[in-house]
Amino acid sequence: MSATKIWSIGDILTASDLNSNFTKLAYAQAAGEGATTTGALAADTTSTVNIVYPSSRFSVAPVVQAWTSSNRYVVSIGTNTAGSAIATVRNVSAATGSDATLYWTAVQMTSSAANG
């Protein structure tokens, strides 16, 4: 790892300075809630929740993370495209869970690839 460069007033930043000293930002990202909630799931049962990304936000299927407002549930992402994903929610507890909201984030790091 290189040392941090220190600039003085009047210094000119070159493209190389910018590329090597500043964090890269994601090409596209989005976050939201699932279109529906999980419903009250019995022990060891599943439900699917559709995730719809903002129109034309991603050019490839993004990297997506999802979770619910209840710690009784675990979430896995199945089908994932540039426009939407399907999350499967499983109740991993021994009792029926209450209705929960699914939250998600998605990121595409470059114009042609989801990962950086």
PDB file of N, CA and C in Angstrom:
ATOM      1  N   MET A   1       0.839  -1.165   0.000  1.00  0.00           N
ATOM      2  CA  MET A   1       0.000   0.000   0.000  1.00  0.00           C
ATOM      3  C   MET A   1       0.884   1.228   0.000  1.00  0.00           C
ATOM      4  N   SER A   2       0.619   2.160  -0.912  1.00  0.00           N
ATOM      5  CA  SER A   2       1.446   3.352  -1.015  1.00  0.00           C
ATOM      6  C   SER A   2       1.041   4.383   0.029  1.00  0.00           C
ATOM      7  N   ALA A   3       1.973   5.280   0.279  1.00  0.00           N
ATOM      8  CA  ALA A   3       1.715   6.340   1.250  1.00  0.00           C
ATOM      9  C   ALA A   3       0.669   7.296   0.695  1.00  0.00           C
ATOM     10  N   THR A   4      -0.060   7.926   1.586  1.00  0.00           N
ATOM     11  CA  THR A   4      -1.060   8.903   1.185  1.00  0.00           C
ATOM     12  C   THR A   4      -0.360  10.165   0.700  1.00  0.00           C
ATOM     13  N   LYS A   5      -0.785  10.679  -0.418  1.00  0.00           N
ATOM     14  CA  LYS A   5      -0.199  11.896  -0.963  1.00  0.00           C
ATOM     15  C   LYS A   5      -0.848  13.094  -0.288  1.00  0.00           C
ATOM     16  N   ILE A   6      -0.049  14.099  -0.006  1.00  0.00           N
ATOM     17  CA  ILE A   6      -0.557  15.334   0.594  1.00  0.00           C
ATOM     18  C   ILE A   6      -0.394  16.440  -0.430  1.00  0.00           C
ATOM     19  N   TRP A   7      -1.482  17.158  -0.692  1.00  0.00           N
ATOM     20  CA  TRP A   7      -1.458  18.254  -1.651  1.00  0.00           C
ATOM     21  C   TRP A   7      -1.388  19.588  -0.935  1.00  0.00           C
ATOM     22  N   SER A   8      -0.822  20.557  -1.613  1.00  0.00           N
ATOM     23  CA  SER A   8      -0.782  21.932  -1.107  1.00  0.00           C
ATOM     24  C   SER A   8      -1.653  22.792  -1.999  1.00  0.00           C
ATOM     25  N   ILE A   9      -2.057  23.938  -1.482  1.00  0.00           N
ATOM     26  CA  ILE A   9      -2.862  24.870  -2.276  1.00  0.00           C
ATOM     27  C   ILE A   9      -2.120  25.191  -3.563  1.00  0.00           C
ATOM     28  N   GLY A  10      -2.813  25.095  -4.678  1.00  0.00           N
ATOM     29  CA  GLY A  10      -2.235  25.385  -5.983  1.00  0.00           C
ATOM     30  C   GLY A  10      -1.721  24.160  -6.718  1.00  0.00           C
ATOM     31  N   ASP A  11      -1.583  23.031  -6.025  1.00  0.00           N
ATOM     32  CA  ASP A  11      -1.144  21.801  -6.702  1.00  0.00           C
ATOM     33  C   ASP A  11      -2.173  21.392  -7.744  1.00  0.00           C
ATOM     34  N   ILE A  12      -1.707  20.784  -8.810  1.00  0.00           N
ATOM     35  CA  ILE A  12      -2.588  20.292  -9.862  1.00  0.00           C
ATOM     36  C   ILE A  12      -2.740  18.785  -9.689  1.00  0.00           C
ATOM     37  N   LEU A  13      -3.989  18.320  -9.660  1.00  0.00           N
ATOM     38  CA  LEU A  13      -4.263  16.887  -9.556  1.00  0.00           C
ATOM     39  C   LEU A  13      -4.246  16.274 -10.945  1.00  0.00           C
ATOM     40  N   THR A  14      -3.445  15.247 -11.120  1.00  0.00           N
ATOM     41  CA  THR A  14      -3.402  14.540 -12.397  1.00  0.00           C
ATOM     42  C   THR A  14      -4.384  13.375 -12.377  1.00  0.00           C
ATOM     43  N   ALA A  15      -4.647  12.833 -13.524  1.00  0.00           N
ATOM     44  CA  ALA A  15      -5.514  11.657 -13.603  1.00  0.00           C
ATOM     45  C   ALA A  15      -4.920  10.517 -12.785  1.00  0.00           C
ATOM     46  N   SER A  16      -3.624  10.370 -12.809  1.00  0.00           N
ATOM     47  CA  SER A  16      -2.962   9.323 -12.034  1.00  0.00           C
ATOM     48  C   SER A  16      -3.180   9.542 -10.533  1.00  0.00           C
ATOM     49  N   ASP A  17      -3.097  10.822 -10.084  1.00  0.00           N
ATOM     50  CA  ASP A  17      -3.374  11.127  -8.673  1.00  0.00           C
ATOM     51  C   ASP A  17      -4.776  10.685  -8.296  1.00  0.00           C
ATOM     52  N   LEU A  18      -5.741  11.029  -9.122  1.00  0.00           N
ATOM     53  CA  LEU A  18      -7.128  10.691  -8.833  1.00  0.00           C
ATOM     54  C   LEU A  18      -7.343   9.188  -8.826  1.00  0.00           C
ATOM     55  N   ASN A  19      -6.783   8.495  -9.812  1.00  0.00           N
ATOM     56  CA  ASN A  19      -6.989   7.053  -9.916  1.00  0.00           C
ATOM     57  C   ASN A  19      -6.337   6.275  -8.790  1.00  0.00           C
ATOM     58  N   SER A  20      -5.218   6.727  -8.278  1.00  0.00           N
ATOM     59  CA  SER A  20      -4.515   5.948  -7.272  1.00  0.00           C
ATOM     60  C   SER A  20      -4.760   6.406  -5.839  1.00  0.00           C
ATOM     61  N   ASN A  21      -5.388   7.571  -5.641  1.00  0.00           N
ATOM     62  CA  ASN A  21      -5.556   8.085  -4.290  1.00  0.00           C
ATOM     63  C   ASN A  21      -7.002   8.211  -3.818  1.00  0.00           C
ATOM     64  N   PHE A  22      -7.950   7.925  -4.685  1.00  0.00           N
ATOM     65  CA  PHE A  22      -9.337   8.062  -4.288  1.00  0.00           C
ATOM     66  C   PHE A  22     -10.093   6.767  -4.526  1.00  0.00           C
ATOM     67  N   THR A  23     -11.024   6.453  -3.640  1.00  0.00           N
ATOM     68  CA  THR A  23     -11.798   5.226  -3.714  1.00  0.00           C
ATOM     69  C   THR A  23     -12.697   5.233  -4.948  1.00  0.00           C
ATOM     70  N   LYS A  24     -12.775   4.090  -5.587  1.00  0.00           N
ATOM     71  CA  LYS A  24     -13.656   3.947  -6.748  1.00  0.00           C
ATOM     72  C   LYS A  24     -15.098   3.790  -6.286  1.00  0.00           C
ATOM     73  N   LEU A  25     -16.018   4.396  -6.989  1.00  0.00           N
ATOM     74  CA  LEU A  25     -17.435   4.273  -6.676  1.00  0.00           C
ATOM     75  C   LEU A  25     -18.081   3.219  -7.559  1.00  0.00           C
ATOM     76  N   ALA A  26     -19.191   2.697  -7.110  1.00  0.00           N
ATOM     77  CA  ALA A  26     -19.933   1.714  -7.900  1.00  0.00           C
ATOM     78  C   ALA A  26     -20.515   2.373  -9.147  1.00  0.00           C
ATOM     79  N   TYR A  27     -20.633   1.598 -10.218  1.00  0.00           N
ATOM     80  CA  TYR A  27     -21.245   2.073 -11.458  1.00  0.00           C
ATOM     81  C   TYR A  27     -22.737   2.317 -11.254  1.00  0.00           C
ATOM     82  N   ALA A  28     -23.413   1.412 -10.542  1.00  0.00           N
ATOM     83  CA  ALA A  28     -24.848   1.554 -10.266  1.00  0.00           C
ATOM     84  C   ALA A  28     -25.164   0.824  -8.965  1.00  0.00           C
ATOM     85  N   GLN A  29     -26.123   1.356  -8.225  1.00  0.00           N
ATOM     86  CA  GLN A  29     -26.578   0.671  -7.019  1.00  0.00           C
ATOM     87  C   GLN A  29     -28.010   1.074  -6.719  1.00  0.00           C
ATOM     88  N   ALA A  30     -28.656   0.248  -5.931  1.00  0.00           N
ATOM     89  CA  ALA A  30     -30.047   0.502  -5.545  1.00  0.00           C
ATOM     90  C   ALA A  30     -30.310  -0.235  -4.232  1.00  0.00           C
ATOM     91  N   ALA A  31     -31.348   0.199  -3.533  1.00  0.00           N
ATOM     92  CA  ALA A  31     -31.762  -0.446  -2.295  1.00  0.00           C
ATOM     93  C   ALA A  31     -33.264  -0.301  -2.174  1.00  0.00           C
ATOM     94  N   GLY A  32     -33.885  -1.215  -1.439  1.00  0.00           N
ATOM     95  CA  GLY A  32     -35.323  -1.098  -1.277  1.00  0.00           C
ATOM     96  C   GLY A  32     -35.909  -2.201  -0.421  1.00  0.00           C
ATOM     97  N   GLU A  33     -37.219  -2.274  -0.489  1.00  0.00           N
ATOM     98  CA  GLU A  33     -37.980  -3.306   0.207  1.00  0.00           C
ATOM     99  C   GLU A  33     -38.622  -4.203  -0.835  1.00  0.00           C
ATOM    100  N   GLY A  34     -38.863  -5.458  -0.463  1.00  0.00           N
ATOM    101  CA  GLY A  34     -39.523  -6.380  -1.369  1.00  0.00           C
ATOM    102  C   GLY A  34     -40.933  -5.909  -1.708  1.00  0.00           C
ATOM    103  N   ALA A  35     -41.437  -6.322  -2.850  1.00  0.00           N
ATOM    104  CA  ALA A  35     -42.771  -5.908  -3.287  1.00  0.00           C
ATOM    105  C   ALA A  35     -43.867  -6.445  -2.373  1.00  0.00           C
ATOM    106  N   THR A  36     -43.590  -7.554  -1.712  1.00  0.00           N
ATOM    107  CA  THR A  36     -44.543  -8.135  -0.757  1.00  0.00           C
ATOM    108  C   THR A  36     -43.779  -8.524   0.493  1.00  0.00           C
ATOM    109  N   THR A  37     -44.493  -8.840   1.553  1.00  0.00           N
ATOM    110  CA  THR A  37     -43.848  -9.299   2.774  1.00  0.00           C
ATOM    111  C   THR A  37     -43.851 -10.819   2.811  1.00  0.00           C
ATOM    112  N   THR A  38     -43.242 -11.376   3.825  1.00  0.00           N
ATOM    113  CA  THR A  38     -43.066 -12.827   3.887  1.00  0.00           C
ATOM    114  C   THR A  38     -44.335 -13.581   4.254  1.00  0.00           C
ATOM    115  N   GLY A  39     -45.236 -12.925   4.971  1.00  0.00           N
ATOM    116  CA  GLY A  39     -46.357 -13.646   5.552  1.00  0.00           C
ATOM    117  C   GLY A  39     -45.871 -14.379   6.792  1.00  0.00           C
ATOM    118  N   ALA A  40     -46.771 -14.881   7.608  1.00  0.00           N
ATOM    119  CA  ALA A  40     -46.386 -15.622   8.809  1.00  0.00           C
ATOM    120  C   ALA A  40     -46.009 -17.037   8.387  1.00  0.00           C
ATOM    121  N   LEU A  41     -44.736 -17.372   8.457  1.00  0.00           N
ATOM    122  CA  LEU A  41     -44.268 -18.676   8.005  1.00  0.00           C
ATOM    123  C   LEU A  41     -44.196 -19.670   9.155  1.00  0.00           C
ATOM    124  N   ALA A  42     -44.725 -20.857   8.905  1.00  0.00           N
ATOM    125  CA  ALA A  42     -44.600 -21.943   9.882  1.00  0.00           C
ATOM    126  C   ALA A  42     -43.139 -22.376   9.948  1.00  0.00           C
ATOM    127  N   ALA A  43     -42.776 -23.086  10.983  1.00  0.00           N
ATOM    128  CA  ALA A  43     -41.402 -23.567  11.150  1.00  0.00           C
ATOM    129  C   ALA A  43     -40.952 -24.353   9.927  1.00  0.00           C
ATOM    130  N   ASP A  44     -39.721 -24.086   9.475  1.00  0.00           N
ATOM    131  CA  ASP A  44     -39.084 -24.771   8.351  1.00  0.00           C
ATOM    132  C   ASP A  44     -39.909 -24.721   7.065  1.00  0.00           C
ATOM    133  N   THR A  45     -40.553 -23.610   6.796  1.00  0.00           N
ATOM    134  CA  THR A  45     -41.237 -23.405   5.509  1.00  0.00           C
ATOM    135  C   THR A  45     -40.649 -22.183   4.828  1.00  0.00           C
ATOM    136  N   THR A  46     -40.948 -22.046   3.536  1.00  0.00           N
ATOM    137  CA  THR A  46     -40.394 -20.941   2.763  1.00  0.00           C
ATOM    138  C   THR A  46     -41.491 -20.126   2.086  1.00  0.00           C
ATOM    139  N   SER A  47     -41.088 -18.949   1.683  1.00  0.00           N
ATOM    140  CA  SER A  47     -41.933 -18.058   0.898  1.00  0.00           C
ATOM    141  C   SER A  47     -41.013 -17.332  -0.077  1.00  0.00           C
ATOM    142  N   THR A  48     -41.520 -16.916  -1.215  1.00  0.00           N
ATOM    143  CA  THR A  48     -40.698 -16.145  -2.141  1.00  0.00           C
ATOM    144  C   THR A  48     -41.185 -14.703  -2.171  1.00  0.00           C
ATOM    145  N   VAL A  49     -40.237 -13.807  -2.352  1.00  0.00           N
ATOM    146  CA  VAL A  49     -40.517 -12.385  -2.442  1.00  0.00           C
ATOM    147  C   VAL A  49     -39.824 -11.857  -3.692  1.00  0.00           C
ATOM    148  N   ASN A  50     -40.559 -11.141  -4.526  1.00  0.00           N
ATOM    149  CA  ASN A  50     -39.981 -10.559  -5.730  1.00  0.00           C
ATOM    150  C   ASN A  50     -39.284  -9.251  -5.407  1.00  0.00           C
ATOM    151  N   ILE A  51     -38.088  -9.092  -5.935  1.00  0.00           N
ATOM    152  CA  ILE A  51     -37.325  -7.846  -5.842  1.00  0.00           C
ATOM    153  C   ILE A  51     -37.298  -7.257  -7.238  1.00  0.00           C
ATOM    154  N   VAL A  52     -37.757  -6.042  -7.384  1.00  0.00           N
ATOM    155  CA  VAL A  52     -37.748  -5.381  -8.688  1.00  0.00           C
ATOM    156  C   VAL A  52     -36.817  -4.180  -8.604  1.00  0.00           C
ATOM    157  N   TYR A  53     -35.786  -4.160  -9.445  1.00  0.00           N
ATOM    158  CA  TYR A  53     -34.832  -3.065  -9.454  1.00  0.00           C
ATOM    159  C   TYR A  53     -35.410  -1.871 -10.213  1.00  0.00           C
ATOM    160  N   PRO A  54     -34.929  -0.672  -9.929  1.00  0.00           N
ATOM    161  CA  PRO A  54     -35.382   0.496 -10.700  1.00  0.00           C
ATOM    162  C   PRO A  54     -35.141   0.273 -12.196  1.00  0.00           C
ATOM    163  N   SER A  55     -36.053   0.733 -13.002  1.00  0.00           N
ATOM    164  CA  SER A  55     -36.008   0.525 -14.445  1.00  0.00           C
ATOM    165  C   SER A  55     -34.677   0.976 -15.050  1.00  0.00           C
ATOM    166  N   SER A  56     -34.047   0.096 -15.806  1.00  0.00           N
ATOM    167  CA  SER A  56     -32.795   0.356 -16.533  1.00  0.00           C
ATOM    168  C   SER A  56     -31.623   0.745 -15.645  1.00  0.00           C
ATOM    169  N   ARG A  57     -31.668   0.451 -14.364  1.00  0.00           N
ATOM    170  CA  ARG A  57     -30.564   0.811 -13.462  1.00  0.00           C
ATOM    171  C   ARG A  57     -29.328  -0.035 -13.739  1.00  0.00           C
ATOM    172  N   PHE A  58     -29.521  -1.346 -13.948  1.00  0.00           N
ATOM    173  CA  PHE A  58     -28.397  -2.249 -14.106  1.00  0.00           C
ATOM    174  C   PHE A  58     -28.329  -2.776 -15.534  1.00  0.00           C
ATOM    175  N   SER A  59     -27.084  -2.940 -16.040  1.00  0.00           N
ATOM    176  CA  SER A  59     -26.903  -3.509 -17.376  1.00  0.00           C
ATOM    177  C   SER A  59     -26.596  -5.004 -17.313  1.00  0.00           C
ATOM    178  N   VAL A  60     -26.233  -5.497 -16.140  1.00  0.00           N
ATOM    179  CA  VAL A  60     -26.021  -6.922 -15.881  1.00  0.00           C
ATOM    180  C   VAL A  60     -26.681  -7.239 -14.547  1.00  0.00           C
ATOM    181  N   ALA A  61     -26.826  -8.501 -14.237  1.00  0.00           N
ATOM    182  CA  ALA A  61     -27.377  -8.883 -12.935  1.00  0.00           C
ATOM    183  C   ALA A  61     -26.421  -8.403 -11.839  1.00  0.00           C
ATOM    184  N   PRO A  62     -26.905  -7.593 -10.903  1.00  0.00           N
ATOM    185  CA  PRO A  62     -26.018  -7.045  -9.873  1.00  0.00           C
ATOM    186  C   PRO A  62     -25.736  -8.050  -8.760  1.00  0.00           C
ATOM    187  N   VAL A  63     -24.790  -7.714  -7.909  1.00  0.00           N
ATOM    188  CA  VAL A  63     -24.583  -8.453  -6.672  1.00  0.00           C
ATOM    189  C   VAL A  63     -25.663  -7.957  -5.718  1.00  0.00           C
ATOM    190  N   VAL A  64     -26.452  -8.884  -5.159  1.00  0.00           N
ATOM    191  CA  VAL A  64     -27.566  -8.482  -4.309  1.00  0.00           C
ATOM    192  C   VAL A  64     -27.459  -9.138  -2.935  1.00  0.00           C
ATOM    193  N   GLN A  65     -27.806  -8.381  -1.912  1.00  0.00           N
ATOM    194  CA  GLN A  65     -27.861  -8.887  -0.549  1.00  0.00           C
ATOM    195  C   GLN A  65     -29.274  -8.630  -0.050  1.00  0.00           C
ATOM    196  N   ALA A  66     -29.814  -9.551   0.736  1.00  0.00           N
ATOM    197  CA  ALA A  66     -31.177  -9.376   1.246  1.00  0.00           C
ATOM    198  C   ALA A  66     -31.280  -9.925   2.657  1.00  0.00           C
ATOM    199  N   TRP A  67     -32.175  -9.332   3.441  1.00  0.00           N
ATOM    200  CA  TRP A  67     -32.422  -9.749   4.820  1.00  0.00           C
ATOM    201  C   TRP A  67     -33.837  -9.337   5.189  1.00  0.00           C
ATOM    202  N   THR A  68     -34.313  -9.836   6.312  1.00  0.00           N
ATOM    203  CA  THR A  68     -35.670  -9.485   6.738  1.00  0.00           C
ATOM    204  C   THR A  68     -35.631  -8.772   8.088  1.00  0.00           C
ATOM    205  N   SER A  69     -36.777  -8.234   8.451  1.00  0.00           N
ATOM    206  CA  SER A  69     -36.907  -7.546   9.735  1.00  0.00           C
ATOM    207  C   SER A  69     -37.075  -8.527  10.893  1.00  0.00           C
ATOM    208  N   SER A  70     -37.041  -9.823  10.612  1.00  0.00           N
ATOM    209  CA  SER A  70     -37.177 -10.844  11.661  1.00  0.00           C
ATOM    210  C   SER A  70     -35.958 -11.756  11.659  1.00  0.00           C
ATOM    211  N   ASN A  71     -35.396 -12.015  12.842  1.00  0.00           N
ATOM    212  CA  ASN A  71     -34.238 -12.911  12.902  1.00  0.00           C
ATOM    213  C   ASN A  71     -34.633 -14.387  12.820  1.00  0.00           C
ATOM    214  N   ARG A  72     -35.914 -14.693  12.682  1.00  0.00           N
ATOM    215  CA  ARG A  72     -36.350 -16.086  12.474  1.00  0.00           C
ATOM    216  C   ARG A  72     -36.074 -16.553  11.042  1.00  0.00           C
ATOM    217  N   TYR A  73     -35.833 -15.624  10.149  1.00  0.00           N
ATOM    218  CA  TYR A  73     -35.758 -15.943   8.724  1.00  0.00           C
ATOM    219  C   TYR A  73     -34.349 -15.785   8.167  1.00  0.00           C
ATOM    220  N   VAL A  74     -34.014 -16.649   7.218  1.00  0.00           N
ATOM    221  CA  VAL A  74     -32.813 -16.487   6.412  1.00  0.00           C
ATOM    222  C   VAL A  74     -33.266 -16.299   4.974  1.00  0.00           C
ATOM    223  N   VAL A  75     -32.456 -15.604   4.204  1.00  0.00           N
ATOM    224  CA  VAL A  75     -32.826 -15.259   2.834  1.00  0.00           C
ATOM    225  C   VAL A  75     -31.761 -15.770   1.876  1.00  0.00           C
ATOM    226  N   SER A  76     -32.200 -16.333   0.757  1.00  0.00           N
ATOM    227  CA  SER A  76     -31.283 -16.690  -0.320  1.00  0.00           C
ATOM    228  C   SER A  76     -31.834 -16.096  -1.610  1.00  0.00           C
ATOM    229  N   ILE A  77     -30.931 -15.747  -2.504  1.00  0.00           N
ATOM    230  CA  ILE A  77     -31.324 -15.172  -3.793  1.00  0.00           C
ATOM    231  C   ILE A  77     -31.194 -16.253  -4.843  1.00  0.00           C
ATOM    232  N   GLY A  78     -32.271 -16.472  -5.544  1.00  0.00           N
ATOM    233  CA  GLY A  78     -32.268 -17.462  -6.622  1.00  0.00           C
ATOM    234  C   GLY A  78     -32.065 -16.764  -7.948  1.00  0.00           C
ATOM    235  N   THR A  79     -33.100 -16.681  -8.728  1.00  0.00           N
ATOM    236  CA  THR A  79     -33.030 -16.018 -10.020  1.00  0.00           C
ATOM    237  C   THR A  79     -32.667 -14.555  -9.828  1.00  0.00           C
ATOM    238  N   ASN A  80     -31.654 -14.088 -10.556  1.00  0.00           N
ATOM    239  CA  ASN A  80     -31.203 -12.703 -10.466  1.00  0.00           C
ATOM    240  C   ASN A  80     -30.854 -12.226 -11.861  1.00  0.00           C
ATOM    241  N   THR A  81     -31.535 -11.186 -12.322  1.00  0.00           N
ATOM    242  CA  THR A  81     -31.288 -10.614 -13.641  1.00  0.00           C
ATOM    243  C   THR A  81     -31.000  -9.126 -13.487  1.00  0.00           C
ATOM    244  N   ALA A  82     -30.788  -8.424 -14.591  1.00  0.00           N
ATOM    245  CA  ALA A  82     -30.556  -6.981 -14.546  1.00  0.00           C
ATOM    246  C   ALA A  82     -31.811  -6.223 -14.122  1.00  0.00           C
ATOM    247  N   GLY A  83     -32.970  -6.859 -14.164  1.00  0.00           N
ATOM    248  CA  GLY A  83     -34.216  -6.176 -13.829  1.00  0.00           C
ATOM    249  C   GLY A  83     -34.879  -6.597 -12.531  1.00  0.00           C
ATOM    250  N   SER A  84     -34.559  -7.805 -12.057  1.00  0.00           N
ATOM    251  CA  SER A  84     -35.242  -8.284 -10.853  1.00  0.00           C
ATOM    252  C   SER A  84     -34.530  -9.506 -10.276  1.00  0.00           C
ATOM    253  N   ALA A  85     -34.971  -9.881  -9.084  1.00  0.00           N
ATOM    254  CA  ALA A  85     -34.457 -11.083  -8.432  1.00  0.00           C
ATOM    255  C   ALA A  85     -35.599 -11.727  -7.654  1.00  0.00           C
ATOM    256  N   ILE A  86     -35.438 -12.994  -7.341  1.00  0.00           N
ATOM    257  CA  ILE A  86     -36.408 -13.692  -6.501  1.00  0.00           C
ATOM    258  C   ILE A  86     -35.683 -14.139  -5.239  1.00  0.00           C
ATOM    259  N   ALA A  87     -36.187 -13.696  -4.104  1.00  0.00           N
ATOM    260  CA  ALA A  87     -35.615 -14.064  -2.806  1.00  0.00           C
ATOM    261  C   ALA A  87     -36.468 -15.159  -2.190  1.00  0.00           C
ATOM    262  N   THR A  88     -35.828 -16.196  -1.688  1.00  0.00           N
ATOM    263  CA  THR A  88     -36.524 -17.232  -0.940  1.00  0.00           C
ATOM    264  C   THR A  88     -36.237 -17.003   0.534  1.00  0.00           C
ATOM    265  N   VAL A  89     -37.299 -16.912   1.319  1.00  0.00           N
ATOM    266  CA  VAL A  89     -37.198 -16.664   2.751  1.00  0.00           C
ATOM    267  C   VAL A  89     -37.589 -17.947   3.474  1.00  0.00           C
ATOM    268  N   ARG A  90     -36.732 -18.404   4.396  1.00  0.00           N
ATOM    269  CA  ARG A  90     -36.999 -19.634   5.152  1.00  0.00           C
ATOM    270  C   ARG A  90     -37.064 -19.308   6.634  1.00  0.00           C
ATOM    271  N   ASN A  91     -38.090 -19.859   7.297  1.00  0.00           N
ATOM    272  CA  ASN A  91     -38.199 -19.751   8.749  1.00  0.00           C
ATOM    273  C   ASN A  91     -37.328 -20.850   9.346  1.00  0.00           C
ATOM    274  N   VAL A  92     -36.247 -20.470   9.997  1.00  0.00           N
ATOM    275  CA  VAL A  92     -35.314 -21.456  10.559  1.00  0.00           C
ATOM    276  C   VAL A  92     -35.565 -21.726  12.044  1.00  0.00           C
ATOM    277  N   SER A  93     -36.607 -21.136  12.595  1.00  0.00           N
ATOM    278  CA  SER A  93     -36.902 -21.372  14.007  1.00  0.00           C
ATOM    279  C   SER A  93     -37.885 -22.535  14.153  1.00  0.00           C
ATOM    280  N   ALA A  94     -38.105 -22.955  15.371  1.00  0.00           N
ATOM    281  CA  ALA A  94     -39.017 -24.066  15.649  1.00  0.00           C
ATOM    282  C   ALA A  94     -40.462 -23.607  15.811  1.00  0.00           C
ATOM    283  N   ALA A  95     -40.717 -22.323  15.697  1.00  0.00           N
ATOM    284  CA  ALA A  95     -42.071 -21.783  15.877  1.00  0.00           C
ATOM    285  C   ALA A  95     -42.476 -20.968  14.652  1.00  0.00           C
ATOM    286  N   THR A  96     -43.753 -20.729  14.520  1.00  0.00           N
ATOM    287  CA  THR A  96     -44.253 -19.903  13.421  1.00  0.00           C
ATOM    288  C   THR A  96     -43.778 -18.470  13.604  1.00  0.00           C
ATOM    289  N   GLY A  97     -43.279 -17.896  12.527  1.00  0.00           N
ATOM    290  CA  GLY A  97     -42.793 -16.521  12.570  1.00  0.00           C
ATOM    291  C   GLY A  97     -43.877 -15.545  12.172  1.00  0.00           C
ATOM    292  N   SER A  98     -43.699 -14.311  12.556  1.00  0.00           N
ATOM    293  CA  SER A  98     -44.658 -13.273  12.171  1.00  0.00           C
ATOM    294  C   SER A  98     -44.275 -12.702  10.811  1.00  0.00           C
ATOM    295  N   ASP A  99     -45.189 -11.947  10.234  1.00  0.00           N
ATOM    296  CA  ASP A  99     -44.946 -11.304   8.952  1.00  0.00           C
ATOM    297  C   ASP A  99     -43.703 -10.418   9.063  1.00  0.00           C
ATOM    298  N   ALA A 100     -42.854 -10.425   8.054  1.00  0.00           N
ATOM    299  CA  ALA A 100     -41.623  -9.636   8.073  1.00  0.00           C
ATOM    300  C   ALA A 100     -41.426  -8.938   6.735  1.00  0.00           C
ATOM    301  N   THR A 101     -40.730  -7.839   6.760  1.00  0.00           N
ATOM    302  CA  THR A 101     -40.397  -7.087   5.552  1.00  0.00           C
ATOM    303  C   THR A 101     -39.036  -7.526   5.046  1.00  0.00           C
ATOM    304  N   LEU A 102     -38.907  -7.697   3.744  1.00  0.00           N
ATOM    305  CA  LEU A 102     -37.635  -8.042   3.132  1.00  0.00           C
ATOM    306  C   LEU A 102     -36.969  -6.751   2.664  1.00  0.00           C
ATOM    307  N   TYR A 103     -35.708  -6.563   3.017  1.00  0.00           N
ATOM    308  CA  TYR A 103     -34.914  -5.421   2.575  1.00  0.00           C
ATOM    309  C   TYR A 103     -33.787  -5.927   1.693  1.00  0.00           C
ATOM    310  N   TRP A 104     -33.324  -5.091   0.748  1.00  0.00           N
ATOM    311  CA  TRP A 104     -32.269  -5.525  -0.148  1.00  0.00           C
ATOM    312  C   TRP A 104     -31.399  -4.353  -0.589  1.00  0.00           C
ATOM    313  N   THR A 105     -30.170  -4.685  -0.967  1.00  0.00           N
ATOM    314  CA  THR A 105     -29.274  -3.756  -1.643  1.00  0.00           C
ATOM    315  C   THR A 105     -28.682  -4.492  -2.841  1.00  0.00           C
ATOM    316  N   ALA A 106     -28.397  -3.742  -3.891  1.00  0.00           N
ATOM    317  CA  ALA A 106     -27.807  -4.343  -5.088  1.00  0.00           C
ATOM    318  C   ALA A 106     -26.767  -3.374  -5.645  1.00  0.00           C
ATOM    319  N   VAL A 107     -25.687  -3.935  -6.183  1.00  0.00           N
ATOM    320  CA  VAL A 107     -24.611  -3.090  -6.706  1.00  0.00           C
ATOM    321  C   VAL A 107     -24.016  -3.708  -7.967  1.00  0.00           C
ATOM    322  N   GLN A 108     -23.654  -2.832  -8.901  1.00  0.00           N
ATOM    323  CA  GLN A 108     -22.930  -3.218 -10.121  1.00  0.00           C
ATOM    324  C   GLN A 108     -21.687  -2.330 -10.142  1.00  0.00           C
ATOM    325  N   MET A 109     -20.498  -2.920 -10.100  1.00  0.00           N
ATOM    326  CA  MET A 109     -19.279  -2.145  -9.913  1.00  0.00           C
ATOM    327  C   MET A 109     -18.737  -1.494 -11.187  1.00  0.00           C
ATOM    328  N   THR A 110     -18.887  -2.138 -12.339  1.00  0.00           N
ATOM    329  CA  THR A 110     -18.424  -1.527 -13.590  1.00  0.00           C
ATOM    330  C   THR A 110     -19.561  -1.602 -14.601  1.00  0.00           C
ATOM    331  N   SER A 111     -19.380  -0.960 -15.751  1.00  0.00           N
ATOM    332  CA  SER A 111     -20.453  -0.934 -16.752  1.00  0.00           C
ATOM    333  C   SER A 111     -20.735  -2.317 -17.337  1.00  0.00           C
ATOM    334  N   SER A 112     -19.791  -3.258 -17.196  1.00  0.00           N
ATOM    335  CA  SER A 112     -20.001  -4.574 -17.796  1.00  0.00           C
ATOM    336  C   SER A 112     -19.929  -5.743 -16.830  1.00  0.00           C
ATOM    337  N   ALA A 113     -19.710  -5.471 -15.537  1.00  0.00           N
ATOM    338  CA  ALA A 113     -19.582  -6.557 -14.572  1.00  0.00           C
ATOM    339  C   ALA A 113     -20.140  -6.141 -13.213  1.00  0.00           C
ATOM    340  N   ALA A 114     -20.793  -7.096 -12.550  1.00  0.00           N
ATOM    341  CA  ALA A 114     -21.357  -6.807 -11.237  1.00  0.00           C
ATOM    342  C   ALA A 114     -20.276  -6.667 -10.181  1.00  0.00           C
ATOM    343  N   ASN A 115     -19.265  -7.541 -10.232  1.00  0.00           N
ATOM    344  CA  ASN A 115     -18.193  -7.452  -9.243  1.00  0.00           C
ATOM    345  C   ASN A 115     -17.104  -6.510  -9.733  1.00  0.00           C
ATOM    346  N   GLY A 116     -16.292  -6.024  -8.837  1.00  0.00           N
ATOM    347  CA  GLY A 116     -15.293  -5.002  -9.167  1.00  0.00           C
ATOM    348  C   GLY A 116     -14.066  -5.577  -9.762  1.00  0.00           C
TER     349      GLY A 116
END
